[in-house]
C-alpha atoms as a PDB file:
ATOM      1  CA  UNK A   1     -17.089  -2.434  16.514  1.00  0.00           C
ATOM      2  CA  UNK A   2     -18.941  -4.150  13.700  1.00  0.00           C
ATOM      3  CA  UNK A   3     -20.400  -2.900  10.445  1.00  0.00           C
ATOM      4  CA  UNK A   4     -18.466   0.062   9.035  1.00  0.00           C
ATOM      5  CA  UNK A   5     -19.418   2.267   6.118  1.00  0.00           C
ATOM      6  CA  UNK A   6     -17.741   5.641   5.636  1.00  0.00           C
ATOM      7  CA  UNK A   7     -15.854   7.626   3.019  1.00  0.00           C
ATOM      8  CA  UNK A   8     -12.070   7.128   3.060  1.00  0.00           C
ATOM      9  CA  UNK A   9     -11.569  10.872   3.600  1.00  0.00           C
ATOM     10  CA  UNK A  10     -13.018  10.369   7.105  1.00  0.00           C
ATOM     11  CA  UNK A  11     -10.142   8.004   8.015  1.00  0.00           C
ATOM     12  CA  UNK A  12      -7.034   9.615   9.499  1.00  0.00           C
ATOM     13  CA  UNK A  13      -4.249  10.226   6.946  1.00  0.00           C
ATOM     14  CA  UNK A  14      -0.884   9.419   8.558  1.00  0.00           C
ATOM     15  CA  UNK A  15       2.631  10.068   7.296  1.00  0.00           C
ATOM     16  CA  UNK A  16       4.681   6.881   7.137  1.00  0.00           C
ATOM     17  CA  UNK A  17       7.746   7.277   9.344  1.00  0.00           C
ATOM     18  CA  UNK A  18       9.411   3.961   8.441  1.00  0.00           C
ATOM     19  CA  UNK A  19      13.151   4.125   7.673  1.00  0.00           C
ATOM     20  CA  UNK A  20      13.769   4.078   3.923  1.00  0.00           C
ATOM     21  CA  UNK A  21      10.341   5.531   3.058  1.00  0.00           C
ATOM     22  CA  UNK A  22       9.894   8.853   1.294  1.00  0.00           C
ATOM     23  CA  UNK A  23       6.697  10.801   0.575  1.00  0.00           C
ATOM     24  CA  UNK A  24       4.202   8.159   1.754  1.00  0.00           C
ATOM     25  CA  UNK A  25       0.901   8.674   3.528  1.00  0.00           C
ATOM     26  CA  UNK A  26      -1.431   5.906   4.653  1.00  0.00           C
ATOM     27  CA  UNK A  27      -5.039   5.463   5.757  1.00  0.00           C
ATOM     28  CA  UNK A  28      -5.865   2.290   7.719  1.00  0.00           C
ATOM     29  CA  UNK A  29      -9.314   1.802   6.173  1.00  0.00           C
ATOM     30  CA  UNK A  30     -10.126  -1.480   7.937  1.00  0.00           C
ATOM     31  CA  UNK A  31      -8.058  -3.053  10.718  1.00  0.00           C
ATOM     32  CA  UNK A  32      -8.231  -4.845  14.058  1.00  0.00           C
ATOM     33  CA  UNK A  33      -9.971  -1.840  15.639  1.00  0.00           C
ATOM     34  CA  UNK A  34     -12.907  -2.586  13.318  1.00  0.00           C
ATOM     35  CA  UNK A  35     -13.033  -6.185  14.587  1.00  0.00           C
ATOM     36  CA  UNK A  36     -11.754  -7.434  11.231  1.00  0.00           C
ATOM     37  CA  UNK A  37     -10.455 -10.870  12.266  1.00  0.00           C
ATOM     38  CA  UNK A  38      -8.047 -11.629   9.419  1.00  0.00           C
ATOM     39  CA  UNK A  39      -6.997  -8.721   7.210  1.00  0.00           C
ATOM     40  CA  UNK A  40      -6.216  -5.013   7.167  1.00  0.00           C
ATOM     41  CA  UNK A  41      -7.038  -2.770   4.202  1.00  0.00           C
ATOM     42  CA  UNK A  42      -4.832   0.270   3.706  1.00  0.00           C
ATOM     43  CA  UNK A  43      -4.918   3.165   1.241  1.00  0.00           C
ATOM     44  CA  UNK A  44      -1.465   4.445   0.310  1.00  0.00           C
ATOM     45  CA  UNK A  45      -0.706   7.825  -1.243  1.00  0.00           C
ATOM     46  CA  UNK A  46       2.827   8.245  -2.556  1.00  0.00           C
ATOM     47  CA  UNK A  47       4.018  11.658  -3.725  1.00  0.00           C
ATOM     48  CA  UNK A  48       5.941  12.035  -6.979  1.00  0.00           C
ATOM     49  CA  UNK A  49       9.495  10.666  -6.487  1.00  0.00           C
ATOM     50  CA  UNK A  50       8.322   8.928  -3.290  1.00  0.00           C
ATOM     51  CA  UNK A  51       8.824   5.260  -2.448  1.00  0.00           C
ATOM     52  CA  UNK A  52       8.471   2.566   0.170  1.00  0.00           C
ATOM     53  CA  UNK A  53      11.554   0.936   1.658  1.00  0.00           C
ATOM     54  CA  UNK A  54      13.005  -2.075  -0.147  1.00  0.00           C
ATOM     55  CA  UNK A  55      12.072  -4.764   2.371  1.00  0.00           C
ATOM     56  CA  UNK A  56      10.606  -8.212   2.992  1.00  0.00           C
ATOM     57  CA  UNK A  57       8.495  -9.865   5.668  1.00  0.00           C
ATOM     58  CA  UNK A  58       6.602 -13.076   6.305  1.00  0.00           C
ATOM     59  CA  UNK A  59       3.185 -11.938   5.054  1.00  0.00           C
ATOM     60  CA  UNK A  60       1.743 -11.381   1.582  1.00  0.00           C
ATOM     61  CA  UNK A  61       0.378  -8.204  -0.023  1.00  0.00           C
ATOM     62  CA  UNK A  62      -2.577  -7.881  -2.357  1.00  0.00           C
ATOM     63  CA  UNK A  63      -2.471  -4.500  -4.103  1.00  0.00           C
ATOM     64  CA  UNK A  64      -4.857  -2.666  -6.454  1.00  0.00           C
ATOM     65  CA  UNK A  65      -3.554   0.458  -8.217  1.00  0.00           C
ATOM     66  CA  UNK A  66      -6.167   3.244  -8.162  1.00  0.00           C
ATOM     67  CA  UNK A  67      -4.347   6.278  -9.627  1.00  0.00           C
ATOM     68  CA  UNK A  68      -0.934   7.226 -10.941  1.00  0.00           C
ATOM     69  CA  UNK A  69       2.045   5.244 -12.174  1.00  0.00           C
ATOM     70  CA  UNK A  70       3.857   2.754  -9.962  1.00  0.00           C
ATOM     71  CA  UNK A  71       7.132   0.931 -10.405  1.00  0.00           C
ATOM     72  CA  UNK A  72       6.841  -2.291  -8.430  1.00  0.00           C
ATOM     73  CA  UNK A  73       9.970  -4.221  -7.556  1.00  0.00           C
ATOM     74  CA  UNK A  74       9.581  -7.822  -6.395  1.00  0.00           C
ATOM     75  CA  UNK A  75      12.766  -9.824  -6.019  1.00  0.00           C
ATOM     76  CA  UNK A  76      14.683  -9.260  -9.285  1.00  0.00           C
ATOM     77  CA  UNK A  77      11.628  -8.172 -11.300  1.00  0.00           C
ATOM     78  CA  UNK A  78      10.484  -4.611 -12.001  1.00  0.00           C
ATOM     79  CA  UNK A  79       7.120  -3.775 -13.514  1.00  0.00           C
ATOM     80  CA  UNK A  80       5.515  -0.436 -14.309  1.00  0.00           C
ATOM     81  CA  UNK A  81       1.799  -0.350 -13.482  1.00  0.00           C
ATOM     82  CA  UNK A  82      -1.063   2.111 -13.755  1.00  0.00           C
ATOM     83  CA  UNK A  83      -4.682   2.326 -12.589  1.00  0.00           C
ATOM     84  CA  UNK A  84      -6.487  -0.994 -12.786  1.00  0.00           C
ATOM     85  CA  UNK A  85      -3.457  -3.239 -12.248  1.00  0.00           C
ATOM     86  CA  UNK A  86      -3.410  -5.835  -9.481  1.00  0.00           C
ATOM     87  CA  UNK A  87      -0.173  -6.896  -7.792  1.00  0.00           C
ATOM     88  CA  UNK A  88       0.511  -9.902  -5.586  1.00  0.00           C
ATOM     89  CA  UNK A  89       3.648  -9.853  -3.415  1.00  0.00           C
ATOM     90  CA  UNK A  90       4.312 -13.298  -1.904  1.00  0.00           C
ATOM     91  CA  UNK A  91       5.562 -13.763   1.655  1.00  0.00           C
ATOM     92  CA  UNK A  92       9.300 -13.204   2.189  1.00  0.00           C
ATOM     93  CA  UNK A  93       9.792 -11.544  -1.221  1.00  0.00           C
ATOM     94  CA  UNK A  94      11.905  -8.384  -1.193  1.00  0.00           C
ATOM     95  CA  UNK A  95       9.703  -5.626  -2.613  1.00  0.00           C
ATOM     96  CA  UNK A  96       9.257  -1.888  -3.081  1.00  0.00           C
ATOM     97  CA  UNK A  97       6.671   0.520  -4.491  1.00  0.00           C
ATOM     98  CA  UNK A  98       7.854   3.737  -6.204  1.00  0.00           C
ATOM     99  CA  UNK A  99       5.880   6.582  -7.704  1.00  0.00           C
ATOM    100  CA  UNK A 100       7.076   6.593 -11.324  1.00  0.00           C
ATOM    101  CA  UNK A 101       4.839   9.461 -12.423  1.00  0.00           C
ATOM    102  CA  UNK A 102       4.202  13.147 -11.920  1.00  0.00           C
ATOM    103  CA  UNK A 103       0.969  12.855  -9.925  1.00  0.00           C
ATOM    104  CA  UNK A 104       0.144  11.215  -6.595  1.00  0.00           C
ATOM    105  CA  UNK A 105       0.150   7.412  -6.741  1.00  0.00           C
ATOM    106  CA  UNK A 106      -2.757   5.815  -4.869  1.00  0.00           C
ATOM    107  CA  UNK A 107      -3.252   2.125  -4.205  1.00  0.00           C
ATOM    108  CA  UNK A 108      -5.145  -0.201  -1.907  1.00  0.00           C
ATOM    109  CA  UNK A 109      -3.129  -2.823  -0.059  1.00  0.00           C
ATOM    110  CA  UNK A 110      -4.616  -5.750   1.849  1.00  0.00           C
ATOM    111  CA  UNK A 111      -2.423  -7.669   4.292  1.00  0.00           C
ATOM    112  CA  UNK A 112      -3.133 -10.283   6.937  1.00  0.00           C
ATOM    113  CA  UNK A 113      -2.880  -9.083  10.512  1.00  0.00           C
ATOM    114  CA  UNK A 114       0.636  -9.663  11.807  1.00  0.00           C
END
């Protein structure tokens, strides 16, 4: 593939099946299938009271909060964020994203291919 330009609603919305996850859906907006050589861009939607697993891995995350309220845990720190916040999760840091509000939490997450 090459150039890509389409509305995110045209990208398949998948339910995350990972152990320890609750109420998460994901759209792989840009990935290897688009011939993106370095990074993947994902759009997460987390339902109220939903969360990602508390986990770590060898790659970083760059996150931009679009809508809702998020409690981000990174190592021993917890921060509450809302639309407009940016979050950097370094490699190997234990982290988790939780919906801390009453509406759907939406955020973009960019990760290197792994």
